[in-house]
Amino acid sequence: MNRRAIGKSDLPRLLGLWCDCFSEKEEAAKLFFERNLSDTHGYLAEENGAPIAAVYLVGCTLCGKPAHYLCGAATRREYRGRGVMTALIDFALRDAQRRGDCYSVLLPASEGLYRFYGRMGYVPCGAVCRKTMTTDGGKPVDRAGEPDWEALQQRCHKDKSLLWNKNYIRFAAAYYACYGVTVLQNAHVFALLEQNGAAADVFYAVYDSIEELKYTLSAAGVRRFTLTGCAEAPLFSGCEVQRCGMAKSLQSGCELPGRVFIGLTMN
């Protein structure tokens, strides 16, 4: 069995592996490979020249230091339970460590995967809070232009959050739109929400102020919404903290921050 970094010639076969392993729309999966790999390091395990497993590390920052979000860990069914993915992730993390990444962060999809990654040294320090509000009281301001992605993320999610570059955020918006998610965006707000009439689940948002977010949602017909956000943000003071993700330090001297907020993930 061979393990290596992926190349462009591998992409068609890796798309097939992704779609075979996940309940994913093909158009959404294609977006990942077409628009996101410039900021992503991918790795595959192959046998007799055929890919049997793959994993991807999407670049970001945490606490001002280089980090990545580990996702798309896929193994062909007939090779599962043989340690293939454990060995491939170890290979990928050693490469990330050599590049200088300080943290590896991920969001397990099940309790079993929390245990799997725990055996690999990941700690369940990811956290979110949720708060239900109404949209009354928003005030209109000039909305022309594209958001300042970095400033909005830092304002809303503080230092203990993954900070994404604009390419990944734009990809995430297009990805979620494939699943019918509403994307609201202007110079002061970026929000992803699942809307049900006048109510909405805002599962990711960055904004200049909560009043501006409320006004933007109100203009979209939302009257009541539940907002998911960083447990460290003052807005969520007193709210219940829910476990949401794991992290692992890759460099000596880089201690894990408490209550890491991942934010933008994929299905």
Protein backbone atom coordinates (compact mmCIF):
# COMPACT_ATOMS: atom_id res chain seq x y z
CA MET A 1 0.00 0.00 0.00
CA ASN A 2 1.29 3.44 -0.96
CA ARG A 3 0.51 6.77 0.74
CA ARG A 4 1.20 10.13 -0.90
CA ALA A 5 0.00 13.68 -1.51
CA ILE A 6 -2.60 14.03 -4.24
CA GLY A 7 -1.99 15.57 -7.67
CA LYS A 8 -4.33 17.01 -10.30
CA SER A 9 -4.44 13.74 -12.21
CA ASP A 10 -5.96 12.07 -9.13
CA LEU A 11 -9.02 14.34 -8.92
CA PRO A 12 -11.49 12.39 -11.11
CA ARG A 13 -10.92 9.19 -9.12
CA LEU A 14 -11.02 11.03 -5.80
CA LEU A 15 -14.35 12.60 -6.70
CA GLY A 16 -15.67 9.10 -7.30
CA LEU A 17 -14.33 7.91 -3.93
CA TRP A 18 -15.93 10.92 -2.18
CA CYS A 19 -19.34 10.29 -3.76
CA ASP A 20 -19.15 6.55 -3.02
CA CYS A 21 -18.45 7.14 0.68
CA PHE A 22 -20.68 10.13 1.51
CA SER A 23 -24.37 10.97 1.05
CA GLU A 24 -23.40 13.96 -1.03
CA LYS A 25 -24.81 15.66 -4.08
CA GLU A 26 -22.32 15.30 -6.91
CA GLU A 27 -22.57 19.00 -7.77
CA ALA A 28 -21.62 19.88 -4.18
CA ALA A 29 -18.71 17.42 -4.16
CA LYS A 30 -17.45 18.83 -7.46
CA LEU A 31 -17.33 22.30 -5.91
CA PHE A 32 -14.89 21.05 -3.28
CA PHE A 33 -12.50 19.72 -5.90
CA GLU A 34 -12.94 22.57 -8.37
CA ARG A 35 -12.85 25.59 -6.05
CA ASN A 36 -11.22 24.62 -2.77
CA LEU A 37 -8.07 22.61 -3.44
CA SER A 38 -5.82 25.66 -3.88
CA ASP A 39 -5.97 26.09 -0.08
CA THR A 40 -6.11 22.38 0.72
CA HIS A 41 -3.57 19.59 1.08
CA GLY A 42 -4.97 16.20 0.10
CA TYR A 43 -3.56 12.73 0.73
CA LEU A 44 -4.47 9.30 -0.56
CA ALA A 45 -3.72 5.67 0.11
CA GLU A 46 -3.63 3.45 -2.95
CA GLU A 47 -3.26 -0.20 -3.72
CA ASN A 48 -2.16 -1.39 -7.14
CA GLY A 49 -2.48 2.19 -8.37
CA ALA A 50 -6.13 2.56 -7.27
CA PRO A 51 -7.16 5.00 -4.49
CA ILE A 52 -8.67 3.22 -1.49
CA ALA A 53 -8.73 6.11 1.01
CA ALA A 54 -8.31 9.89 1.08
CA VAL A 55 -8.28 12.78 3.54
CA TYR A 56 -8.05 16.56 3.14
CA LEU A 57 -6.56 19.35 5.29
CA VAL A 58 -8.16 22.75 4.57
CA GLY A 59 -5.89 25.63 5.55
CA CYS A 60 -7.01 28.18 8.16
CA THR A 61 -5.65 29.91 11.28
CA LEU A 62 -6.33 29.43 14.98
CA CYS A 63 -5.04 31.79 17.67
CA GLY A 64 -3.10 33.56 14.92
CA LYS A 65 -1.17 30.40 14.06
CA PRO A 66 -1.35 28.13 11.00
CA ALA A 67 -3.87 25.34 11.34
CA HIS A 68 -6.11 23.14 9.23
CA TYR A 69 -9.56 21.60 9.25
CA LEU A 70 -9.42 17.86 8.59
CA CYS A 71 -12.33 16.65 6.46
CA GLY A 72 -13.42 14.23 3.75
CA ALA A 73 -11.85 11.19 5.44
CA ALA A 74 -13.12 8.42 3.15
CA THR A 75 -12.18 4.73 2.88
CA ARG A 76 -13.62 2.25 0.42
CA ARG A 77 -15.96 -0.10 2.26
CA GLU A 78 -13.97 -3.27 1.61
CA TYR A 79 -10.85 -1.72 3.21
CA ARG A 80 -12.48 -0.43 6.39
CA GLY A 81 -11.44 -1.79 9.77
CA ARG A 82 -7.87 -2.46 8.64
CA GLY A 83 -6.19 0.69 9.98
CA VAL A 84 -5.94 2.27 6.52
CA MET A 85 -7.38 5.64 7.57
CA THR A 86 -5.43 5.77 10.84
CA ALA A 87 -2.17 5.32 8.94
CA LEU A 88 -3.18 7.85 6.26
CA ILE A 89 -4.13 10.54 8.80
CA ASP A 90 -0.85 9.96 10.64
CA PHE A 91 0.97 10.41 7.33
CA ALA A 92 -0.98 13.62 6.57
CA LEU A 93 -0.42 15.11 10.05
CA ARG A 94 3.32 14.46 9.92
CA ASP A 95 3.42 16.35 6.62
CA ALA A 96 1.35 19.19 8.11
CA GLN A 97 3.67 19.33 11.09
CA ARG A 98 6.67 19.67 8.77
CA ARG A 99 4.90 22.55 6.98
CA GLY A 100 4.46 24.33 10.30
CA ASP A 101 0.77 23.76 11.10
CA CYS A 102 0.23 24.18 14.83
CA TYR A 103 -3.26 22.72 15.15
CA SER A 104 -5.45 20.11 13.51
CA VAL A 105 -9.21 20.57 13.98
CA LEU A 106 -12.13 18.38 12.91
CA LEU A 107 -15.82 17.72 13.49
CA PRO A 108 -16.67 14.01 13.97
CA ALA A 109 -20.02 12.96 12.52
CA SER A 110 -20.83 10.42 15.26
CA GLU A 111 -19.98 9.29 18.80
CA GLY A 112 -17.99 6.43 17.32
CA LEU A 113 -15.82 8.88 15.39
CA TYR A 114 -15.25 10.96 18.54
CA ARG A 115 -13.79 7.80 20.06
CA PHE A 116 -11.79 7.02 16.90
CA TYR A 117 -10.15 10.45 16.79
CA GLY A 118 -9.67 10.44 20.55
CA ARG A 119 -7.41 7.43 20.14
CA MET A 120 -5.36 9.53 17.70
CA GLY A 121 -4.78 12.28 20.27
CA TYR A 122 -7.63 14.66 19.43
CA VAL A 123 -9.34 16.39 22.35
CA PRO A 124 -13.09 17.31 22.37
CA CYS A 125 -12.58 21.05 22.89
CA GLY A 126 -14.84 22.29 20.09
CA ALA A 127 -17.89 24.19 21.36
CA VAL A 128 -20.85 26.25 20.18
CA CYS A 129 -23.74 28.12 21.77
CA ARG A 130 -27.23 28.73 20.40
CA LYS A 131 -29.54 31.63 21.13
CA THR A 132 -33.06 32.39 19.89
CA MET A 133 -33.91 36.01 19.08
CA THR A 134 -36.35 38.16 17.14
CA THR A 135 -35.44 40.56 14.36
CA ASP A 136 -37.13 43.63 15.88
CA GLY A 137 -34.98 46.72 16.21
CA GLY A 138 -32.62 46.48 13.24
CA LYS A 139 -31.36 49.75 11.76
CA PRO A 140 -30.56 50.21 8.05
CA VAL A 141 -27.08 51.28 6.96
CA ASP A 142 -25.22 51.42 3.64
CA ARG A 143 -24.92 47.82 2.41
CA ALA A 144 -22.96 48.15 -0.83
CA GLY A 145 -19.88 45.99 -1.34
CA GLU A 146 -18.43 42.66 -0.23
CA PRO A 147 -17.78 41.80 3.42
CA ASP A 148 -14.38 42.26 5.01
CA TRP A 149 -14.19 38.56 5.82
CA GLU A 150 -11.27 38.68 8.24
CA ALA A 151 -12.61 41.63 10.22
CA LEU A 152 -16.10 40.16 10.53
CA GLN A 153 -14.79 36.79 11.71
CA GLN A 154 -12.52 38.33 14.31
CA ARG A 155 -15.27 40.63 15.55
CA CYS A 156 -17.80 37.82 16.04
CA HIS A 157 -15.70 34.77 16.85
CA LYS A 158 -12.65 36.11 18.70
CA ASP A 159 -9.28 34.36 18.79
CA LYS A 160 -10.45 30.85 19.73
CA SER A 161 -12.06 30.27 16.36
CA LEU A 162 -10.92 28.96 13.02
CA LEU A 163 -10.45 31.93 10.73
CA TRP A 164 -11.09 31.15 7.07
CA ASN A 165 -9.83 32.93 3.96
CA LYS A 166 -12.35 34.43 1.54
CA ASN A 167 -11.90 31.65 -1.02
CA TYR A 168 -13.10 29.02 1.44
CA ILE A 169 -16.02 31.18 2.58
CA ARG A 170 -17.10 31.73 -1.02
CA PHE A 171 -16.82 27.99 -1.64
CA ALA A 172 -18.90 27.25 1.47
CA ALA A 173 -21.63 29.63 0.30
CA ALA A 174 -21.85 27.90 -3.09
CA TYR A 175 -21.66 24.46 -1.45
CA TYR A 176 -24.54 25.09 0.93
CA ALA A 177 -26.61 26.69 -1.82
CA CYS A 178 -26.59 23.26 -3.50
CA TYR A 179 -28.62 22.02 -0.53
CA GLY A 180 -31.16 24.84 -0.57
CA VAL A 181 -29.54 26.87 2.20
CA THR A 182 -30.22 30.61 2.06
CA VAL A 183 -27.09 32.76 1.72
CA LEU A 184 -27.37 36.39 2.86
CA GLN A 185 -24.43 38.66 2.13
CA ASN A 186 -23.65 42.36 2.09
CA ALA A 187 -20.85 44.65 3.25
CA HIS A 188 -21.79 44.11 6.91
CA VAL A 189 -23.23 40.59 7.11
CA PHE A 190 -22.59 37.08 5.85
CA ALA A 191 -25.07 34.44 6.99
CA LEU A 192 -26.06 30.88 6.12
CA LEU A 193 -29.54 29.87 7.23
CA GLU A 194 -32.22 27.27 6.82
CA GLN A 195 -35.48 29.16 6.59
CA ASN A 196 -38.95 27.88 7.44
CA GLY A 197 -41.39 30.68 6.78
CA ALA A 198 -40.72 33.53 9.20
CA ALA A 199 -38.38 31.39 11.35
CA ALA A 200 -34.78 30.48 10.56
CA ASP A 201 -31.86 28.47 11.87
CA VAL A 202 -28.80 30.70 11.30
CA PHE A 203 -26.08 28.07 11.64
CA TYR A 204 -23.25 30.40 10.61
CA ALA A 205 -23.02 34.19 10.61
CA VAL A 206 -20.46 36.97 10.86
CA TYR A 207 -21.57 40.59 11.13
CA ASP A 208 -20.61 44.10 12.15
CA SER A 209 -23.29 44.16 14.85
CA ILE A 210 -26.19 42.02 16.00
CA GLU A 211 -28.52 44.87 15.03
CA GLU A 212 -27.21 44.74 11.47
CA LEU A 213 -27.69 40.96 11.36
CA LYS A 214 -31.27 41.37 12.61
CA TYR A 215 -32.02 43.99 9.97
CA THR A 216 -30.61 41.82 7.18
CA LEU A 217 -32.66 38.83 8.35
CA SER A 218 -35.77 40.97 8.68
CA ALA A 219 -35.37 42.18 5.09
CA ALA A 220 -35.36 38.49 4.05
CA GLY A 221 -38.66 37.89 5.82
CA VAL A 222 -37.26 36.33 9.00
CA ARG A 223 -38.98 37.35 12.25
CA ARG A 224 -37.54 34.81 14.68
CA PHE A 225 -34.21 33.01 14.43
CA THR A 226 -31.83 30.75 16.31
CA LEU A 227 -28.21 31.80 15.98
CA THR A 228 -25.27 29.42 16.41
CA GLY A 229 -21.96 30.99 17.37
CA CYS A 230 -18.73 31.01 19.33
CA ALA A 231 -19.13 30.13 23.01
CA GLU A 232 -16.56 32.82 23.86
CA ALA A 233 -18.61 35.65 22.30
CA PRO A 234 -20.32 37.99 24.83
CA LEU A 235 -23.62 37.61 22.96
CA PHE A 236 -23.85 33.99 24.17
CA SER A 237 -23.02 34.68 27.81
CA GLY A 238 -25.15 32.39 29.97
CA CYS A 239 -26.17 30.11 27.09
CA GLU A 240 -25.66 26.35 27.24
CA VAL A 241 -22.35 25.26 25.75
CA GLN A 242 -22.60 22.31 23.36
CA ARG A 243 -19.74 20.06 22.28
CA CYS A 244 -18.93 20.52 18.60
CA GLY A 245 -15.57 19.28 17.36
CA MET A 246 -12.08 18.19 18.39
CA ALA A 247 -8.55 19.53 18.07
CA LYS A 248 -4.97 18.34 18.37
CA SER A 249 -1.73 20.26 18.84
CA LEU A 250 0.96 19.44 16.29
CA GLN A 251 3.84 21.52 17.65
CA SER A 252 5.50 21.65 21.05
CA GLY A 253 4.61 24.83 22.91
CA CYS A 254 1.25 25.21 21.12
CA GLU A 255 -1.30 24.50 23.80
CA LEU A 256 -4.88 23.91 22.73
CA PRO A 257 -7.19 26.85 23.42
CA GLY A 258 -10.43 26.09 25.24
CA ARG A 259 -13.78 26.09 23.44
CA VAL A 260 -12.60 26.16 19.84
CA PHE A 261 -15.27 27.34 17.36
CA ILE A 262 -14.99 25.65 13.95
CA GLY A 263 -17.84 27.52 12.25
CA LEU A 264 -17.89 26.65 8.56
CA THR A 265 -17.95 22.91 7.97
CA MET A 266 -19.42 20.64 5.32
CA ASN A 267 -22.23 18.05 5.43
